[in-house]
């Protein structure tokens, strides 16, 4: 469970030790294989601070949305094509 909750995407292929000291970092090849094996379109995660409220990685297939300490964001997936639409906001 710890691997699932604390692992982060990286631009390089494969896996690497985590910069957080728990979990690991995973590359676009890991994301692609996970999505294929589980018949999914995206990995959407939400525990890593992103300055713009969200970040898209791994050819658009690994998405991080955030709601703390900076801009926040949420994602909506509609229709058969399930193309993500992002909304960002600032705390008031």
PDB file of N, CA and C in Angstrom:
ATOM      1  N   UNK A   1       0.829  -1.192   0.000  1.00  0.00           N
ATOM      2  CA  UNK A   1       0.000   0.000   0.000  1.00  0.00           C
ATOM      3  C   UNK A   1       0.875   1.258   0.000  1.00  0.00           C
ATOM      4  N   UNK A   2       1.973   1.225   0.735  1.00  0.00           N
ATOM      5  CA  UNK A   2       2.868   2.380   0.801  1.00  0.00           C
ATOM      6  C   UNK A   2       3.411   2.724  -0.588  1.00  0.00           C
ATOM      7  N   UNK A   3       3.785   1.719  -1.375  1.00  0.00           N
ATOM      8  CA  UNK A   3       4.267   1.954  -2.739  1.00  0.00           C
ATOM      9  C   UNK A   3       3.211   2.675  -3.558  1.00  0.00           C
ATOM     10  N   UNK A   4       1.981   2.232  -3.464  1.00  0.00           N
ATOM     11  CA  UNK A   4       0.896   2.829  -4.226  1.00  0.00           C
ATOM     12  C   UNK A   4       0.646   4.280  -3.824  1.00  0.00           C
ATOM     13  N   UNK A   5       0.674   4.561  -2.535  1.00  0.00           N
ATOM     14  CA  UNK A   5       0.337   5.899  -2.050  1.00  0.00           C
ATOM     15  C   UNK A   5       1.450   6.929  -2.213  1.00  0.00           C
ATOM     16  N   UNK A   6       2.719   6.514  -2.165  1.00  0.00           N
ATOM     17  CA  UNK A   6       3.806   7.479  -2.125  1.00  0.00           C
ATOM     18  C   UNK A   6       4.709   7.474  -3.344  1.00  0.00           C
ATOM     19  N   UNK A   7       4.460   6.678  -4.329  1.00  0.00           N
ATOM     20  CA  UNK A   7       5.300   6.660  -5.527  1.00  0.00           C
ATOM     21  C   UNK A   7       4.957   7.829  -6.449  1.00  0.00           C
ATOM     22  N   UNK A   8       5.967   8.307  -7.181  1.00  0.00           N
ATOM     23  CA  UNK A   8       5.815   9.496  -8.021  1.00  0.00           C
ATOM     24  C   UNK A   8       6.323   9.229  -9.436  1.00  0.00           C
ATOM     25  N   UNK A   9       5.740   9.896 -10.439  1.00  0.00           N
ATOM     26  CA  UNK A   9       6.230   9.741 -11.805  1.00  0.00           C
ATOM     27  C   UNK A   9       7.589  10.415 -11.997  1.00  0.00           C
ATOM     28  N   UNK A  10       8.359   9.866 -12.925  1.00  0.00           N
ATOM     29  CA  UNK A  10       9.631  10.451 -13.337  1.00  0.00           C
ATOM     30  C   UNK A  10       9.699  10.408 -14.856  1.00  0.00           C
ATOM     31  N   UNK A  11      10.463  11.278 -15.488  1.00  0.00           N
ATOM     32  CA  UNK A  11      10.543  11.268 -16.952  1.00  0.00           C
ATOM     33  C   UNK A  11      11.339  10.093 -17.525  1.00  0.00           C
ATOM     34  N   UNK A  12      12.270   9.537 -16.759  1.00  0.00           N
ATOM     35  CA  UNK A  12      13.094   8.431 -17.233  1.00  0.00           C
ATOM     36  C   UNK A  12      12.324   7.109 -17.177  1.00  0.00           C
ATOM     37  N   UNK A  13      12.669   6.180 -18.067  1.00  0.00           N
ATOM     38  CA  UNK A  13      12.020   4.875 -18.045  1.00  0.00           C
ATOM     39  C   UNK A  13      12.474   4.087 -16.811  1.00  0.00           C
ATOM     40  N   UNK A  14      11.689   3.083 -16.458  1.00  0.00           N
ATOM     41  CA  UNK A  14      12.026   2.219 -15.336  1.00  0.00           C
ATOM     42  C   UNK A  14      11.595   2.780 -14.002  1.00  0.00           C
ATOM     43  N   UNK A  15      12.253   2.249 -12.967  1.00  0.00           N
ATOM     44  CA  UNK A  15      11.968   2.672 -11.600  1.00  0.00           C
ATOM     45  C   UNK A  15      13.239   3.166 -10.946  1.00  0.00           C
ATOM     46  N   UNK A  16      13.083   3.999  -9.921  1.00  0.00           N
ATOM     47  CA  UNK A  16      14.223   4.538  -9.186  1.00  0.00           C
ATOM     48  C   UNK A  16      13.802   4.755  -7.733  1.00  0.00           C
ATOM     49  N   UNK A  17      14.780   4.863  -6.835  1.00  0.00           N
ATOM     50  CA  UNK A  17      14.432   5.181  -5.442  1.00  0.00           C
ATOM     51  C   UNK A  17      13.691   6.513  -5.367  1.00  0.00           C
ATOM     52  N   UNK A  18      12.804   6.619  -4.421  1.00  0.00           N
ATOM     53  CA  UNK A  18      12.002   7.830  -4.259  1.00  0.00           C
ATOM     54  C   UNK A  18      12.812   8.957  -3.647  1.00  0.00           C
ATOM     55  N   UNK A  19      12.570  10.166  -4.116  1.00  0.00           N
ATOM     56  CA  UNK A  19      13.183  11.341  -3.515  1.00  0.00           C
ATOM     57  C   UNK A  19      12.587  11.631  -2.145  1.00  0.00           C
ATOM     58  N   UNK A  20      11.434  11.033  -1.828  1.00  0.00           N
ATOM     59  CA  UNK A  20      10.786  11.220  -0.530  1.00  0.00           C
ATOM     60  C   UNK A  20      11.301  10.241   0.522  1.00  0.00           C
ATOM     61  N   UNK A  21      11.994   9.179   0.068  1.00  0.00           N
ATOM     62  CA  UNK A  21      12.493   8.173   0.997  1.00  0.00           C
ATOM     63  C   UNK A  21      11.505   7.055   1.274  1.00  0.00           C
ATOM     64  N   UNK A  22      10.355   7.091   0.641  1.00  0.00           N
ATOM     65  CA  UNK A  22       9.350   6.037   0.775  1.00  0.00           C
ATOM     66  C   UNK A  22       8.696   5.872  -0.595  1.00  0.00           C
ATOM     67  N   UNK A  23       8.290   4.674  -0.946  1.00  0.00           N
ATOM     68  CA  UNK A  23       7.758   4.418  -2.284  1.00  0.00           C
ATOM     69  C   UNK A  23       8.889   4.395  -3.290  1.00  0.00           C
ATOM     70  N   UNK A  24       8.583   4.661  -4.548  1.00  0.00           N
ATOM     71  CA  UNK A  24       9.598   4.707  -5.599  1.00  0.00           C
ATOM     72  C   UNK A  24       9.158   5.723  -6.649  1.00  0.00           C
ATOM     73  N   UNK A  25      10.007   5.960  -7.619  1.00  0.00           N
ATOM     74  CA  UNK A  25       9.651   6.771  -8.780  1.00  0.00           C
ATOM     75  C   UNK A  25       9.463   5.812  -9.946  1.00  0.00           C
ATOM     76  N   UNK A  26       8.520   6.112 -10.840  1.00  0.00           N
ATOM     77  CA  UNK A  26       8.220   5.223 -11.956  1.00  0.00           C
ATOM     78  C   UNK A  26       8.179   6.008 -13.258  1.00  0.00           C
ATOM     79  N   UNK A  27       8.631   5.376 -14.321  1.00  0.00           N
ATOM     80  CA  UNK A  27       8.710   6.024 -15.619  1.00  0.00           C
ATOM     81  C   UNK A  27       7.501   5.770 -16.498  1.00  0.00           C
ATOM     82  N   UNK A  28       7.510   6.380 -17.696  1.00  0.00           N
ATOM     83  CA  UNK A  28       6.385   6.236 -18.620  1.00  0.00           C
ATOM     84  C   UNK A  28       6.143   4.793 -19.049  1.00  0.00           C
ATOM     85  N   UNK A  29       7.189   3.977 -19.098  1.00  0.00           N
ATOM     86  CA  UNK A  29       7.020   2.572 -19.447  1.00  0.00           C
ATOM     87  C   UNK A  29       6.224   1.826 -18.380  1.00  0.00           C
ATOM     88  N   UNK A  30       6.424   2.176 -17.122  1.00  0.00           N
ATOM     89  CA  UNK A  30       5.685   1.553 -16.015  1.00  0.00           C
ATOM     90  C   UNK A  30       4.215   1.967 -16.089  1.00  0.00           C
ATOM     91  N   UNK A  31       3.963   3.243 -16.362  1.00  0.00           N
ATOM     92  CA  UNK A  31       2.586   3.728 -16.498  1.00  0.00           C
ATOM     93  C   UNK A  31       1.879   3.010 -17.640  1.00  0.00           C
ATOM     94  N   UNK A  32       2.527   2.917 -18.800  1.00  0.00           N
ATOM     95  CA  UNK A  32       1.927   2.267 -19.971  1.00  0.00           C
ATOM     96  C   UNK A  32       1.573   0.820 -19.671  1.00  0.00           C
ATOM     97  N   UNK A  33       2.501   0.088 -19.062  1.00  0.00           N
ATOM     98  CA  UNK A  33       2.246  -1.329 -18.760  1.00  0.00           C
ATOM     99  C   UNK A  33       1.107  -1.481 -17.750  1.00  0.00           C
ATOM    100  N   UNK A  34       1.092  -0.632 -16.714  1.00  0.00           N
ATOM    101  CA  UNK A  34       0.030  -0.678 -15.714  1.00  0.00           C
ATOM    102  C   UNK A  34      -1.333  -0.438 -16.361  1.00  0.00           C
ATOM    103  N   UNK A  35      -1.425   0.580 -17.218  1.00  0.00           N
ATOM    104  CA  UNK A  35      -2.691   0.897 -17.876  1.00  0.00           C
ATOM    105  C   UNK A  35      -3.148  -0.231 -18.786  1.00  0.00           C
ATOM    106  N   UNK A  36      -2.230  -0.806 -19.546  1.00  0.00           N
ATOM    107  CA  UNK A  36      -2.577  -1.921 -20.436  1.00  0.00           C
ATOM    108  C   UNK A  36      -3.061  -3.126 -19.649  1.00  0.00           C
ATOM    109  N   UNK A  37      -2.327  -3.514 -18.601  1.00  0.00           N
ATOM    110  CA  UNK A  37      -2.699  -4.683 -17.802  1.00  0.00           C
ATOM    111  C   UNK A  37      -4.058  -4.524 -17.127  1.00  0.00           C
ATOM    112  N   UNK A  38      -4.389  -3.300 -16.754  1.00  0.00           N
ATOM    113  CA  UNK A  38      -5.630  -3.051 -16.014  1.00  0.00           C
ATOM    114  C   UNK A  38      -6.739  -2.441 -16.860  1.00  0.00           C
ATOM    115  N   UNK A  39      -6.493  -2.326 -18.184  1.00  0.00           N
ATOM    116  CA  UNK A  39      -7.493  -1.795 -19.122  1.00  0.00           C
ATOM    117  C   UNK A  39      -8.023  -0.427 -18.663  1.00  0.00           C
ATOM    118  N   UNK A  40      -7.071   0.459 -18.373  1.00  0.00           N
ATOM    119  CA  UNK A  40      -7.395   1.812 -17.926  1.00  0.00           C
ATOM    120  C   UNK A  40      -6.849   2.824 -18.921  1.00  0.00           C
ATOM    121  N   UNK A  41      -7.370   4.052 -18.868  1.00  0.00           N
ATOM    122  CA  UNK A  41      -6.915   5.120 -19.751  1.00  0.00           C
ATOM    123  C   UNK A  41      -5.911   6.050 -19.088  1.00  0.00           C
ATOM    124  N   UNK A  42      -6.030   6.248 -17.775  1.00  0.00           N
ATOM    125  CA  UNK A  42      -5.191   7.209 -17.078  1.00  0.00           C
ATOM    126  C   UNK A  42      -4.830   6.719 -15.685  1.00  0.00           C
ATOM    127  N   UNK A  43      -3.716   7.220 -15.164  1.00  0.00           N
ATOM    128  CA  UNK A  43      -3.409   7.176 -13.738  1.00  0.00           C
ATOM    129  C   UNK A  43      -3.621   8.605 -13.265  1.00  0.00           C
ATOM    130  N   UNK A  44      -4.560   8.795 -12.341  1.00  0.00           N
ATOM    131  CA  UNK A  44      -4.837  10.119 -11.799  1.00  0.00           C
ATOM    132  C   UNK A  44      -4.530  10.058 -10.308  1.00  0.00           C
ATOM    133  N   UNK A  45      -3.637  10.922  -9.881  1.00  0.00           N
ATOM    134  CA  UNK A  45      -3.135  10.893  -8.511  1.00  0.00           C
ATOM    135  C   UNK A  45      -3.254  12.275  -7.893  1.00  0.00           C
ATOM    136  N   UNK A  46      -3.177  12.343  -6.542  1.00  0.00           N
ATOM    137  CA  UNK A  46      -3.440  13.644  -5.917  1.00  0.00           C
ATOM    138  C   UNK A  46      -2.742  13.804  -4.571  1.00  0.00           C
ATOM    139  N   UNK A  47      -1.456  13.629  -4.500  1.00  0.00           N
ATOM    140  CA  UNK A  47      -0.815  13.844  -3.204  1.00  0.00           C
ATOM    141  C   UNK A  47       0.497  14.612  -3.307  1.00  0.00           C
ATOM    142  N   UNK A  48       0.824  15.123  -4.462  1.00  0.00           N
ATOM    143  CA  UNK A  48       2.099  15.816  -4.658  1.00  0.00           C
ATOM    144  C   UNK A  48       1.820  17.262  -5.076  1.00  0.00           C
ATOM    145  N   UNK A  49       2.391  18.213  -4.365  1.00  0.00           N
ATOM    146  CA  UNK A  49       2.144  19.629  -4.637  1.00  0.00           C
ATOM    147  C   UNK A  49       2.628  19.992  -6.039  1.00  0.00           C
ATOM    148  N   UNK A  50       1.771  20.660  -6.799  1.00  0.00           N
ATOM    149  CA  UNK A  50       2.090  21.139  -8.144  1.00  0.00           C
ATOM    150  C   UNK A  50       1.759  22.621  -8.210  1.00  0.00           C
ATOM    151  N   UNK A  51       2.704  23.432  -8.647  1.00  0.00           N
ATOM    152  CA  UNK A  51       2.533  24.885  -8.631  1.00  0.00           C
ATOM    153  C   UNK A  51       1.310  25.368  -9.394  1.00  0.00           C
ATOM    154  N   UNK A  52       0.976  24.731 -10.503  1.00  0.00           N
ATOM    155  CA  UNK A  52      -0.177  25.154 -11.306  1.00  0.00           C
ATOM    156  C   UNK A  52      -1.466  24.442 -10.910  1.00  0.00           C
ATOM    157  N   UNK A  53      -1.414  23.617  -9.870  1.00  0.00           N
ATOM    158  CA  UNK A  53      -2.603  22.881  -9.428  1.00  0.00           C
ATOM    159  C   UNK A  53      -2.714  21.506 -10.059  1.00  0.00           C
ATOM    160  N   UNK A  54      -2.008  21.275 -11.144  1.00  0.00           N
ATOM    161  CA  UNK A  54      -1.983  19.950 -11.768  1.00  0.00           C
ATOM    162  C   UNK A  54      -0.744  19.829 -12.640  1.00  0.00           C
ATOM    163  N   UNK A  55      -0.427  18.581 -12.993  1.00  0.00           N
ATOM    164  CA  UNK A  55       0.686  18.312 -13.901  1.00  0.00           C
ATOM    165  C   UNK A  55       0.354  17.071 -14.715  1.00  0.00           C
ATOM    166  N   UNK A  56       0.680  17.120 -15.991  1.00  0.00           N
ATOM    167  CA  UNK A  56       0.436  15.996 -16.885  1.00  0.00           C
ATOM    168  C   UNK A  56       1.789  15.402 -17.274  1.00  0.00           C
ATOM    169  N   UNK A  57       1.935  14.096 -17.132  1.00  0.00           N
ATOM    170  CA  UNK A  57       3.191  13.408 -17.449  1.00  0.00           C
ATOM    171  C   UNK A  57       2.900  12.169 -18.275  1.00  0.00           C
ATOM    172  N   UNK A  58       3.965  11.520 -18.706  1.00  0.00           N
ATOM    173  CA  UNK A  58       3.899  10.226 -19.389  1.00  0.00           C
ATOM    174  C   UNK A  58       2.921  10.232 -20.559  1.00  0.00           C
ATOM    175  N   UNK A  59       3.186  11.121 -21.511  1.00  0.00           N
ATOM    176  CA  UNK A  59       2.373  11.238 -22.728  1.00  0.00           C
ATOM    177  C   UNK A  59       0.901  11.476 -22.429  1.00  0.00           C
ATOM    178  N   UNK A  60       0.629  12.230 -21.354  1.00  0.00           N
ATOM    179  CA  UNK A  60      -0.744  12.570 -21.001  1.00  0.00           C
ATOM    180  C   UNK A  60      -1.487  11.498 -20.239  1.00  0.00           C
ATOM    181  N   UNK A  61      -0.813  10.421 -19.866  1.00  0.00           N
ATOM    182  CA  UNK A  61      -1.491   9.299 -19.220  1.00  0.00           C
ATOM    183  C   UNK A  61      -1.355   9.275 -17.701  1.00  0.00           C
ATOM    184  N   UNK A  62      -0.459  10.081 -17.147  1.00  0.00           N
ATOM    185  CA  UNK A  62      -0.281  10.158 -15.692  1.00  0.00           C
ATOM    186  C   UNK A  62      -0.526  11.602 -15.278  1.00  0.00           C
ATOM    187  N   UNK A  63      -1.596  11.823 -14.539  1.00  0.00           N
ATOM    188  CA  UNK A  63      -2.035  13.165 -14.193  1.00  0.00           C
ATOM    189  C   UNK A  63      -2.027  13.315 -12.675  1.00  0.00           C
ATOM    190  N   UNK A  64      -1.414  14.408 -12.208  1.00  0.00           N
ATOM    191  CA  UNK A  64      -1.427  14.739 -10.785  1.00  0.00           C
ATOM    192  C   UNK A  64      -2.277  15.991 -10.614  1.00  0.00           C
ATOM    193  N   UNK A  65      -3.281  15.928  -9.744  1.00  0.00           N
ATOM    194  CA  UNK A  65      -4.060  17.109  -9.384  1.00  0.00           C
ATOM    195  C   UNK A  65      -3.806  17.395  -7.914  1.00  0.00           C
ATOM    196  N   UNK A  66      -3.828  18.667  -7.545  1.00  0.00           N
ATOM    197  CA  UNK A  66      -3.451  19.073  -6.200  1.00  0.00           C
ATOM    198  C   UNK A  66      -4.432  20.130  -5.703  1.00  0.00           C
ATOM    199  N   UNK A  67      -4.577  20.219  -4.388  1.00  0.00           N
ATOM    200  CA  UNK A  67      -5.485  21.218  -3.828  1.00  0.00           C
ATOM    201  C   UNK A  67      -4.888  21.940  -2.628  1.00  0.00           C
ATOM    202  N   UNK A  68      -3.564  21.873  -2.424  1.00  0.00           N
ATOM    203  CA  UNK A  68      -2.984  22.434  -1.198  1.00  0.00           C
ATOM    204  C   UNK A  68      -1.813  23.370  -1.459  1.00  0.00           C
ATOM    205  N   UNK A  69      -1.761  24.472  -0.756  1.00  0.00           N
ATOM    206  CA  UNK A  69      -0.590  25.308  -0.649  1.00  0.00           C
ATOM    207  C   UNK A  69      -0.190  26.087  -1.892  1.00  0.00           C
ATOM    208  N   UNK A  70      -0.953  26.061  -2.898  1.00  0.00           N
ATOM    209  CA  UNK A  70      -0.645  26.729  -4.160  1.00  0.00           C
ATOM    210  C   UNK A  70      -1.960  26.827  -4.919  1.00  0.00           C
ATOM    211  N   UNK A  71      -1.918  26.876  -6.212  1.00  0.00           N
ATOM    212  CA  UNK A  71      -3.170  26.763  -6.967  1.00  0.00           C
ATOM    213  C   UNK A  71      -3.724  25.363  -6.767  1.00  0.00           C
ATOM    214  N   UNK A  72      -5.024  25.250  -6.736  1.00  0.00           N
ATOM    215  CA  UNK A  72      -5.670  23.952  -6.673  1.00  0.00           C
ATOM    216  C   UNK A  72      -6.241  23.610  -8.036  1.00  0.00           C
ATOM    217  N   UNK A  73      -6.648  22.370  -8.206  1.00  0.00           N
ATOM    218  CA  UNK A  73      -7.237  21.959  -9.477  1.00  0.00           C
ATOM    219  C   UNK A  73      -8.157  20.777  -9.260  1.00  0.00           C
ATOM    220  N   UNK A  74      -9.099  20.639 -10.186  1.00  0.00           N
ATOM    221  CA  UNK A  74      -9.864  19.398 -10.277  1.00  0.00           C
ATOM    222  C   UNK A  74     -10.011  19.055 -11.738  1.00  0.00           C
ATOM    223  N   UNK A  75     -10.348  17.802 -11.990  1.00  0.00           N
ATOM    224  CA  UNK A  75     -10.395  17.263 -13.342  1.00  0.00           C
ATOM    225  C   UNK A  75     -11.775  16.671 -13.593  1.00  0.00           C
ATOM    226  N   UNK A  76     -12.290  16.887 -14.795  1.00  0.00           N
ATOM    227  CA  UNK A  76     -13.561  16.297 -15.220  1.00  0.00           C
ATOM    228  C   UNK A  76     -13.288  15.478 -16.477  1.00  0.00           C
ATOM    229  N   UNK A  77     -13.817  14.262 -16.500  1.00  0.00           N
ATOM    230  CA  UNK A  77     -13.703  13.388 -17.666  1.00  0.00           C
ATOM    231  C   UNK A  77     -15.110  13.082 -18.146  1.00  0.00           C
ATOM    232  N   UNK A  78     -15.464  13.536 -19.347  1.00  0.00           N
ATOM    233  CA  UNK A  78     -16.821  13.372 -19.875  1.00  0.00           C
ATOM    234  C   UNK A  78     -16.821  12.646 -21.204  1.00  0.00           C
ATOM    235  N   UNK A  79     -17.933  12.010 -21.501  1.00  0.00           N
ATOM    236  CA  UNK A  79     -18.144  11.406 -22.811  1.00  0.00           C
ATOM    237  C   UNK A  79     -17.360  10.130 -23.023  1.00  0.00           C
ATOM    238  N   UNK A  80     -17.532   9.553 -24.195  1.00  0.00           N
ATOM    239  CA  UNK A  80     -16.868   8.299 -24.526  1.00  0.00           C
ATOM    240  C   UNK A  80     -15.361   8.453 -24.691  1.00  0.00           C
ATOM    241  N   UNK A  81     -14.925   9.632 -25.132  1.00  0.00           N
ATOM    242  CA  UNK A  81     -13.490   9.836 -25.351  1.00  0.00           C
ATOM    243  C   UNK A  81     -12.728  10.107 -24.055  1.00  0.00           C
ATOM    244  N   UNK A  82     -13.430  10.483 -22.970  1.00  0.00           N
ATOM    245  CA  UNK A  82     -12.833  10.703 -21.657  1.00  0.00           C
ATOM    246  C   UNK A  82     -11.625  11.640 -21.696  1.00  0.00           C
ATOM    247  N   UNK A  83     -11.705  12.717 -22.459  1.00  0.00           N
ATOM    248  CA  UNK A  83     -10.616  13.692 -22.521  1.00  0.00           C
ATOM    249  C   UNK A  83     -10.679  14.551 -21.259  1.00  0.00           C
ATOM    250  N   UNK A  84      -9.559  14.641 -20.524  1.00  0.00           N
ATOM    251  CA  UNK A  84      -9.584  15.411 -19.273  1.00  0.00           C
ATOM    252  C   UNK A  84      -9.746  16.906 -19.508  1.00  0.00           C
ATOM    253  N   UNK A  85     -10.571  17.547 -18.664  1.00  0.00           N
ATOM    254  CA  UNK A  85     -10.729  19.002 -18.660  1.00  0.00           C
ATOM    255  C   UNK A  85     -10.356  19.465 -17.250  1.00  0.00           C
ATOM    256  N   UNK A  86      -9.399  20.396 -17.162  1.00  0.00           N
ATOM    257  CA  UNK A  86      -8.887  20.858 -15.887  1.00  0.00           C
ATOM    258  C   UNK A  86      -9.469  22.207 -15.528  1.00  0.00           C
ATOM    259  N   UNK A  87      -9.772  22.384 -14.250  1.00  0.00           N
ATOM    260  CA  UNK A  87     -10.179  23.670 -13.707  1.00  0.00           C
ATOM    261  C   UNK A  87      -9.213  23.986 -12.574  1.00  0.00           C
ATOM    262  N   UNK A  88      -8.580  25.154 -12.622  1.00  0.00           N
ATOM    263  CA  UNK A  88      -7.676  25.561 -11.558  1.00  0.00           C
ATOM    264  C   UNK A  88      -8.294  26.713 -10.787  1.00  0.00           C
ATOM    265  N   UNK A  89      -7.846  26.897  -9.558  1.00  0.00           N
ATOM    266  CA  UNK A  89      -8.356  27.957  -8.709  1.00  0.00           C
ATOM    267  C   UNK A  89      -7.314  28.329  -7.666  1.00  0.00           C
ATOM    268  N   UNK A  90      -7.481  29.481  -7.056  1.00  0.00           N
ATOM    269  CA  UNK A  90      -6.619  29.914  -5.954  1.00  0.00           C
ATOM    270  C   UNK A  90      -7.461  30.019  -4.697  1.00  0.00           C
ATOM    271  N   UNK A  91      -6.824  29.802  -3.567  1.00  0.00           N
ATOM    272  CA  UNK A  91      -7.536  29.899  -2.294  1.00  0.00           C
ATOM    273  C   UNK A  91      -8.043  31.324  -2.092  1.00  0.00           C
ATOM    274  N   UNK A  92      -9.197  31.461  -1.455  1.00  0.00           N
ATOM    275  CA  UNK A  92      -9.740  32.786  -1.154  1.00  0.00           C
ATOM    276  C   UNK A  92      -9.987  32.910   0.349  1.00  0.00           C
TER     277      UNK A  92
END
